[in-house]
Amino acid sequence: MQIHYISENNSILNHFLAEIRDVNIQKDSMRFRKNIERIGEIMAYELSKTLEYEAIDVQTPLGIKRTTTIADNVVLCSILRAGLALHTGFMNLFDNAENGFVSAYRHHPNNDDFFEILVEYQAAPSFENKNLILIDPMLATGQSIIAVLNKLLLKQKPKEIHIAVVIAAPEGIAYLEENLPDNCHLWVAALDDRLNEKNYIIPGLGDAGDLAYGHKL
């Protein structure tokens, strides 16, 4: 698996990352969603550099300009509900992308710290021989991403798989490296320190879905 750490060099990305972590700024759900969307746009731009392009001629009012356009077909697929704002950022750049949505969540059958990942709702187009971009803001244990990919890839083979996360823990990255093929790409906006005993990212930012859309039952 190829890993791309986007925030290693200073840019406006780090400014947005700081704001989504700030407990005072987090109180504004609209601003939190907008910052996640902006981060998605930056990540989409960086990812776009790895896609294939083809040469085209564009007619301008004064002549013809030789340039390039994306040749790859792209499918954006986000994990509900936390992935929606990040998904919007990617859609803002990949105008012609097809879109899919999958639900995955931690189920605690014994009402303790043990959990299993349940993948239920799925609405996704075909991504056979297309570039599949799987979008989820937080990479904690990595189990959700693997569970979703196992569900999606039963009968289809994408050209490439790109996984886009805002904040990742080392444990989650290690889990993906053990369970994904070498031709997958992991895009990480920020790498954090570790997981705590409840498998939450430290220092992290809290629950991205709750911060964006309100607390759930």
C-alpha atoms as a PDB file:
ATOM      1  CA  MET A   1       0.000   0.000   0.000  1.00  0.00           C
ATOM      2  CA  GLN A   2       1.279   3.433  -0.928  1.00  0.00           C
ATOM      3  CA  ILE A   3       0.789   6.081   1.762  1.00  0.00           C
ATOM      4  CA  HIS A   4       0.593   9.809   1.038  1.00  0.00           C
ATOM      5  CA  TYR A   5       0.934  12.164   4.017  1.00  0.00           C
ATOM      6  CA  ILE A   6      -0.428  15.484   2.772  1.00  0.00           C
ATOM      7  CA  SER A   7       0.220  17.755   5.757  1.00  0.00           C
ATOM      8  CA  GLU A   8       3.971  17.131   5.994  1.00  0.00           C
ATOM      9  CA  ASN A   9       4.605  20.475   4.273  1.00  0.00           C
ATOM     10  CA  ASN A  10       2.963  23.623   5.621  1.00  0.00           C
ATOM     11  CA  SER A  11      -0.065  24.806   3.681  1.00  0.00           C
ATOM     12  CA  ILE A  12      -3.587  26.129   4.257  1.00  0.00           C
ATOM     13  CA  LEU A  13      -4.514  22.490   4.939  1.00  0.00           C
ATOM     14  CA  ASN A  14      -2.862  22.692   8.363  1.00  0.00           C
ATOM     15  CA  HIS A  15      -4.937  25.781   9.174  1.00  0.00           C
ATOM     16  CA  PHE A  16      -8.177  23.888   8.481  1.00  0.00           C
ATOM     17  CA  LEU A  17      -6.927  20.862  10.432  1.00  0.00           C
ATOM     18  CA  ALA A  18      -6.243  23.077  13.441  1.00  0.00           C
ATOM     19  CA  GLU A  19      -9.760  24.535  13.281  1.00  0.00           C
ATOM     20  CA  ILE A  20     -11.572  21.177  13.139  1.00  0.00           C
ATOM     21  CA  ARG A  21      -9.676  20.077  16.265  1.00  0.00           C
ATOM     22  CA  ASP A  22     -10.296  23.262  18.288  1.00  0.00           C
ATOM     23  CA  VAL A  23     -13.002  22.581  20.915  1.00  0.00           C
ATOM     24  CA  ASN A  24     -14.219  26.185  20.722  1.00  0.00           C
ATOM     25  CA  ILE A  25     -14.488  26.324  16.937  1.00  0.00           C
ATOM     26  CA  GLN A  26     -16.114  22.868  16.920  1.00  0.00           C
ATOM     27  CA  LYS A  27     -19.201  24.380  18.541  1.00  0.00           C
ATOM     28  CA  ASP A  28     -20.120  25.809  15.128  1.00  0.00           C
ATOM     29  CA  SER A  29     -21.328  22.750  13.184  1.00  0.00           C
ATOM     30  CA  MET A  30     -21.591  24.657   9.926  1.00  0.00           C
ATOM     31  CA  ARG A  31     -17.976  25.814  10.162  1.00  0.00           C
ATOM     32  CA  PHE A  32     -16.847  22.280  11.042  1.00  0.00           C
ATOM     33  CA  ARG A  33     -18.597  20.878   7.962  1.00  0.00           C
ATOM     34  CA  LYS A  34     -17.175  23.606   5.746  1.00  0.00           C
ATOM     35  CA  ASN A  35     -13.631  22.988   6.968  1.00  0.00           C
ATOM     36  CA  ILE A  36     -13.989  19.248   6.363  1.00  0.00           C
ATOM     37  CA  GLU A  37     -15.261  20.084   2.871  1.00  0.00           C
ATOM     38  CA  ARG A  38     -12.255  22.337   2.248  1.00  0.00           C
ATOM     39  CA  ILE A  39      -9.918  19.588   3.409  1.00  0.00           C
ATOM     40  CA  GLY A  40     -11.648  17.269   0.938  1.00  0.00           C
ATOM     41  CA  GLU A  41     -11.002  19.724  -1.878  1.00  0.00           C
ATOM     42  CA  ILE A  42      -7.297  19.901  -1.012  1.00  0.00           C
ATOM     43  CA  MET A  43      -7.033  16.117  -0.779  1.00  0.00           C
ATOM     44  CA  ALA A  44      -8.851  15.710  -4.090  1.00  0.00           C
ATOM     45  CA  TYR A  45      -6.409  18.114  -5.744  1.00  0.00           C
ATOM     46  CA  GLU A  46      -3.401  16.182  -4.437  1.00  0.00           C
ATOM     47  CA  LEU A  47      -4.915  12.848  -5.440  1.00  0.00           C
ATOM     48  CA  SER A  48      -5.719  14.155  -8.920  1.00  0.00           C
ATOM     49  CA  LYS A  49      -1.995  14.412  -9.654  1.00  0.00           C
ATOM     50  CA  THR A  50      -1.769  10.600  -9.716  1.00  0.00           C
ATOM     51  CA  LEU A  51      -4.554  10.015 -12.236  1.00  0.00           C
ATOM     52  CA  GLU A  52      -4.137   9.470 -15.961  1.00  0.00           C
ATOM     53  CA  TYR A  53      -4.701  12.332 -18.388  1.00  0.00           C
ATOM     54  CA  GLU A  54      -5.154  12.647 -22.135  1.00  0.00           C
ATOM     55  CA  ALA A  55      -4.275  15.462 -24.502  1.00  0.00           C
ATOM     56  CA  ILE A  56      -7.115  17.508 -26.013  1.00  0.00           C
ATOM     57  CA  ASP A  57      -7.507  20.611 -28.193  1.00  0.00           C
ATOM     58  CA  VAL A  58      -9.729  23.364 -26.775  1.00  0.00           C
ATOM     59  CA  GLN A  59     -11.231  26.005 -29.032  1.00  0.00           C
ATOM     60  CA  THR A  60     -10.910  29.477 -27.460  1.00  0.00           C
ATOM     61  CA  PRO A  61     -12.358  32.706 -28.919  1.00  0.00           C
ATOM     62  CA  LEU A  62      -8.923  33.456 -30.403  1.00  0.00           C
ATOM     63  CA  GLY A  63      -7.491  30.087 -31.316  1.00  0.00           C
ATOM     64  CA  ILE A  64      -6.857  26.511 -30.255  1.00  0.00           C
ATOM     65  CA  LYS A  65      -5.036  25.512 -27.053  1.00  0.00           C
ATOM     66  CA  ARG A  66      -3.488  22.084 -26.552  1.00  0.00           C
ATOM     67  CA  THR A  67      -4.030  20.914 -22.962  1.00  0.00           C
ATOM     68  CA  THR A  68      -4.963  17.824 -20.946  1.00  0.00           C
ATOM     69  CA  THR A  69      -8.056  16.432 -19.225  1.00  0.00           C
ATOM     70  CA  ILE A  70      -8.677  13.531 -16.868  1.00  0.00           C
ATOM     71  CA  ALA A  71      -8.894  10.235 -18.733  1.00  0.00           C
ATOM     72  CA  ASP A  72      -9.717   8.066 -15.719  1.00  0.00           C
ATOM     73  CA  ASN A  73     -13.233   7.276 -14.582  1.00  0.00           C
ATOM     74  CA  VAL A  74     -13.699   8.111 -10.899  1.00  0.00           C
ATOM     75  CA  VAL A  75     -16.200   6.747  -8.377  1.00  0.00           C
ATOM     76  CA  LEU A  76     -16.472   8.513  -5.014  1.00  0.00           C
ATOM     77  CA  CYS A  77     -17.807   6.343  -2.207  1.00  0.00           C
ATOM     78  CA  SER A  78     -18.246   7.653   1.334  1.00  0.00           C
ATOM     79  CA  ILE A  79     -19.000   5.874   4.589  1.00  0.00           C
ATOM     80  CA  LEU A  80     -22.155   7.298   6.164  1.00  0.00           C
ATOM     81  CA  ARG A  81     -22.697   9.598   7.883  1.00  0.00           C
ATOM     82  CA  ALA A  82     -19.371  11.137   8.837  1.00  0.00           C
ATOM     83  CA  GLY A  83     -18.022  10.982   5.290  1.00  0.00           C
ATOM     84  CA  LEU A  84     -20.635  13.275   3.731  1.00  0.00           C
ATOM     85  CA  ALA A  85     -18.898  16.644   4.197  1.00  0.00           C
ATOM     86  CA  LEU A  86     -15.558  15.239   3.025  1.00  0.00           C
ATOM     87  CA  HIS A  87     -17.383  13.650   0.079  1.00  0.00           C
ATOM     88  CA  THR A  88     -18.740  17.072  -0.897  1.00  0.00           C
ATOM     89  CA  GLY A  89     -15.198  18.451  -1.054  1.00  0.00           C
ATOM     90  CA  PHE A  90     -14.189  15.684  -3.457  1.00  0.00           C
ATOM     91  CA  MET A  91     -17.319  16.231  -5.573  1.00  0.00           C
ATOM     92  CA  ASN A  92     -16.459  19.922  -5.879  1.00  0.00           C
ATOM     93  CA  LEU A  93     -13.363  18.955  -7.872  1.00  0.00           C
ATOM     94  CA  PHE A  94     -14.367  15.700  -9.550  1.00  0.00           C
ATOM     95  CA  ASP A  95     -17.469  17.059 -11.301  1.00  0.00           C
ATOM     96  CA  ASN A  96     -18.073  13.991 -13.455  1.00  0.00           C
ATOM     97  CA  ALA A  97     -17.491  11.372 -10.787  1.00  0.00           C
ATOM     98  CA  GLU A  98     -20.113   8.764 -10.010  1.00  0.00           C
ATOM     99  CA  ASN A  99     -21.061   8.483  -6.355  1.00  0.00           C
ATOM    100  CA  GLY A 100     -21.747   5.719  -3.868  1.00  0.00           C
ATOM    101  CA  PHE A 101     -22.677   5.545  -0.184  1.00  0.00           C
ATOM    102  CA  VAL A 102     -22.270   2.777   2.392  1.00  0.00           C
ATOM    103  CA  SER A 103     -23.215   2.625   6.062  1.00  0.00           C
ATOM    104  CA  ALA A 104     -20.786   1.136   8.577  1.00  0.00           C
ATOM    105  CA  TYR A 105     -20.767   1.468  12.328  1.00  0.00           C
ATOM    106  CA  ARG A 106     -19.396  -0.024  15.524  1.00  0.00           C
ATOM    107  CA  HIS A 107     -21.853  -2.437  17.105  1.00  0.00           C
ATOM    108  CA  HIS A 108     -21.307  -3.248  20.795  1.00  0.00           C
ATOM    109  CA  PRO A 109     -23.298  -6.478  21.333  1.00  0.00           C
ATOM    110  CA  ASN A 110     -22.307  -6.795  24.996  1.00  0.00           C
ATOM    111  CA  ASN A 111     -22.535  -3.088  25.859  1.00  0.00           C
ATOM    112  CA  ASP A 112     -18.814  -3.023  26.641  1.00  0.00           C
ATOM    113  CA  ASP A 113     -15.674  -1.960  24.758  1.00  0.00           C
ATOM    114  CA  PHE A 114     -15.799  -4.960  22.402  1.00  0.00           C
ATOM    115  CA  PHE A 115     -17.295  -4.103  19.016  1.00  0.00           C
ATOM    116  CA  GLU A 116     -17.830  -5.497  15.550  1.00  0.00           C
ATOM    117  CA  ILE A 117     -18.295  -3.549  12.340  1.00  0.00           C
ATOM    118  CA  LEU A 118     -21.715  -3.827  10.737  1.00  0.00           C
ATOM    119  CA  VAL A 119     -22.069  -2.833   7.073  1.00  0.00           C
ATOM    120  CA  GLU A 120     -25.722  -2.497   6.118  1.00  0.00           C
ATOM    121  CA  TYR A 121     -26.953   0.081   3.596  1.00  0.00           C
ATOM    122  CA  GLN A 122     -25.180   0.212   0.233  1.00  0.00           C
ATOM    123  CA  ALA A 123     -25.936   2.316  -2.857  1.00  0.00           C
ATOM    124  CA  ALA A 124     -23.048   2.369  -5.313  1.00  0.00           C
ATOM    125  CA  PRO A 125     -22.529   2.339  -9.079  1.00  0.00           C
ATOM    126  CA  SER A 126     -20.294  -0.121 -10.892  1.00  0.00           C
ATOM    127  CA  PHE A 127     -16.608   0.628 -10.380  1.00  0.00           C
ATOM    128  CA  GLU A 128     -15.247  -2.125 -12.593  1.00  0.00           C
ATOM    129  CA  ASN A 129     -11.933  -0.852 -14.019  1.00  0.00           C
ATOM    130  CA  LYS A 130     -12.569   2.600 -12.506  1.00  0.00           C
ATOM    131  CA  ASN A 131     -10.724   4.533  -9.812  1.00  0.00           C
ATOM    132  CA  LEU A 132     -12.558   3.925  -6.537  1.00  0.00           C
ATOM    133  CA  ILE A 133     -12.023   6.650  -3.923  1.00  0.00           C
ATOM    134  CA  LEU A 134     -13.274   5.511  -0.511  1.00  0.00           C
ATOM    135  CA  ILE A 135     -13.892   8.470   1.805  1.00  0.00           C
ATOM    136  CA  ASP A 136     -13.983   8.374   5.627  1.00  0.00           C
ATOM    137  CA  PRO A 137     -12.741  11.199   7.895  1.00  0.00           C
ATOM    138  CA  MET A 138     -11.286   9.025  10.672  1.00  0.00           C
ATOM    139  CA  LEU A 139      -9.009   5.995  10.366  1.00  0.00           C
ATOM    140  CA  ALA A 140      -8.902   4.469  13.858  1.00  0.00           C
ATOM    141  CA  THR A 141      -8.634   0.652  13.856  1.00  0.00           C
ATOM    142  CA  GLY A 142      -9.099   0.338  10.086  1.00  0.00           C
ATOM    143  CA  GLN A 143     -11.773  -2.319  10.527  1.00  0.00           C
ATOM    144  CA  SER A 144     -14.576  -0.208   9.021  1.00  0.00           C
ATOM    145  CA  ILE A 145     -12.653   0.434   5.813  1.00  0.00           C
ATOM    146  CA  ILE A 146     -11.744  -3.228   5.348  1.00  0.00           C
ATOM    147  CA  ALA A 147     -15.325  -4.320   6.085  1.00  0.00           C
ATOM    148  CA  VAL A 148     -16.706  -1.857   3.535  1.00  0.00           C
ATOM    149  CA  LEU A 149     -14.190  -2.860   0.852  1.00  0.00           C
ATOM    150  CA  ASN A 150     -14.945  -6.535   1.430  1.00  0.00           C
ATOM    151  CA  LYS A 151     -18.618  -5.727   0.882  1.00  0.00           C
ATOM    152  CA  LEU A 152     -18.062  -3.572  -2.211  1.00  0.00           C
ATOM    153  CA  LEU A 153     -15.489  -5.715  -3.983  1.00  0.00           C
ATOM    154  CA  LEU A 154     -17.325  -9.032  -3.997  1.00  0.00           C
ATOM    155  CA  LYS A 155     -17.787  -9.077  -7.779  1.00  0.00           C
ATOM    156  CA  GLN A 156     -15.967  -6.005  -9.082  1.00  0.00           C
ATOM    157  CA  LYS A 157     -12.347  -5.097  -9.675  1.00  0.00           C
ATOM    158  CA  PRO A 158     -11.472  -1.369  -9.660  1.00  0.00           C
ATOM    159  CA  LYS A 159      -8.554  -0.085 -11.664  1.00  0.00           C
ATOM    160  CA  GLU A 160      -7.137   1.465  -8.486  1.00  0.00           C
ATOM    161  CA  ILE A 161      -8.329   1.929  -4.914  1.00  0.00           C
ATOM    162  CA  HIS A 162      -7.710   5.236  -3.137  1.00  0.00           C
ATOM    163  CA  ILE A 163      -8.645   5.656   0.531  1.00  0.00           C
ATOM    164  CA  ALA A 164      -8.961   9.253   1.759  1.00  0.00           C
ATOM    165  CA  VAL A 165      -8.952   9.987   5.503  1.00  0.00           C
ATOM    166  CA  VAL A 166      -8.538  13.239   7.404  1.00  0.00           C
ATOM    167  CA  ILE A 167      -6.999  11.887  10.621  1.00  0.00           C
ATOM    168  CA  ALA A 168      -5.346   8.483  11.040  1.00  0.00           C
ATOM    169  CA  ALA A 169      -3.875   6.479  13.905  1.00  0.00           C
ATOM    170  CA  PRO A 170      -0.738   4.366  13.361  1.00  0.00           C
ATOM    171  CA  GLU A 171      -2.648   1.226  14.388  1.00  0.00           C
ATOM    172  CA  GLY A 172      -5.215   1.756  11.646  1.00  0.00           C
ATOM    173  CA  ILE A 173      -2.552   2.317   9.015  1.00  0.00           C
ATOM    174  CA  ALA A 174      -0.772  -0.883  10.094  1.00  0.00           C
ATOM    175  CA  TYR A 175      -4.057  -2.816   9.844  1.00  0.00           C
ATOM    176  CA  LEU A 176      -4.662  -1.562   6.295  1.00  0.00           C
ATOM    177  CA  GLU A 177      -1.107  -2.445   5.303  1.00  0.00           C
ATOM    178  CA  GLU A 178      -1.713  -6.011   6.487  1.00  0.00           C
ATOM    179  CA  ASN A 179      -5.040  -6.373   4.677  1.00  0.00           C
ATOM    180  CA  LEU A 180      -4.775  -4.399   1.436  1.00  0.00           C
ATOM    181  CA  PRO A 181      -2.762  -5.099  -1.731  1.00  0.00           C
ATOM    182  CA  ASP A 182       0.282  -3.079  -2.689  1.00  0.00           C
ATOM    183  CA  ASN A 183      -1.504  -1.150  -5.462  1.00  0.00           C
ATOM    184  CA  CYS A 184      -3.843   0.628  -3.026  1.00  0.00           C
ATOM    185  CA  HIS A 185      -3.266   4.271  -2.097  1.00  0.00           C
ATOM    186  CA  LEU A 186      -3.922   5.738   1.357  1.00  0.00           C
ATOM    187  CA  TRP A 187      -4.235   9.530   1.542  1.00  0.00           C
ATOM    188  CA  VAL A 188      -3.804  10.950   5.065  1.00  0.00           C
ATOM    189  CA  ALA A 189      -4.287  14.617   5.909  1.00  0.00           C
ATOM    190  CA  ALA A 190      -2.907  14.216   9.461  1.00  0.00           C
ATOM    191  CA  LEU A 191      -1.235  11.373  11.366  1.00  0.00           C
ATOM    192  CA  ASP A 192      -1.991  11.285  15.107  1.00  0.00           C
ATOM    193  CA  ASP A 193      -0.279   9.585  18.044  1.00  0.00           C
ATOM    194  CA  ARG A 194      -2.225   6.448  18.949  1.00  0.00           C
ATOM    195  CA  LEU A 195      -5.528   4.828  19.894  1.00  0.00           C
ATOM    196  CA  ASN A 196      -6.770   4.848  23.482  1.00  0.00           C
ATOM    197  CA  GLU A 197      -8.246   1.854  25.325  1.00  0.00           C
ATOM    198  CA  LYS A 198     -11.620   2.461  23.615  1.00  0.00           C
ATOM    199  CA  ASN A 199      -9.973   2.614  20.174  1.00  0.00           C
ATOM    200  CA  TYR A 200     -10.512   6.360  19.751  1.00  0.00           C
ATOM    201  CA  ILE A 201      -7.805   8.443  18.079  1.00  0.00           C
ATOM    202  CA  ILE A 202      -5.593  10.514  20.399  1.00  0.00           C
ATOM    203  CA  PRO A 203      -5.479  13.520  20.235  1.00  0.00           C
ATOM    204  CA  GLY A 204      -8.007  13.259  17.370  1.00  0.00           C
ATOM    205  CA  LEU A 205     -10.986  15.604  17.327  1.00  0.00           C
ATOM    206  CA  GLY A 206     -13.913  13.661  18.757  1.00  0.00           C
ATOM    207  CA  ASP A 207     -16.761  12.118  16.765  1.00  0.00           C
ATOM    208  CA  ALA A 208     -16.692  13.654  13.289  1.00  0.00           C
ATOM    209  CA  GLY A 209     -20.266  12.618  12.518  1.00  0.00           C
ATOM    210  CA  ASP A 210     -21.643  14.161  15.708  1.00  0.00           C
ATOM    211  CA  LEU A 211     -19.649  17.366  15.213  1.00  0.00           C
ATOM    212  CA  ALA A 212     -20.933  17.737  11.655  1.00  0.00           C
ATOM    213  CA  TYR A 213     -24.539  16.622  12.035  1.00  0.00           C
ATOM    214  CA  GLY A 214     -25.448  16.503  15.733  1.00  0.00           C
ATOM    215  CA  HIS A 215     -25.443  13.809  18.394  1.00  0.00           C
ATOM    216  CA  LYS A 216     -27.133  10.488  17.657  1.00  0.00           C
ATOM    217  CA  LEU A 217     -29.031   8.198  20.040  1.00  0.00           C
END
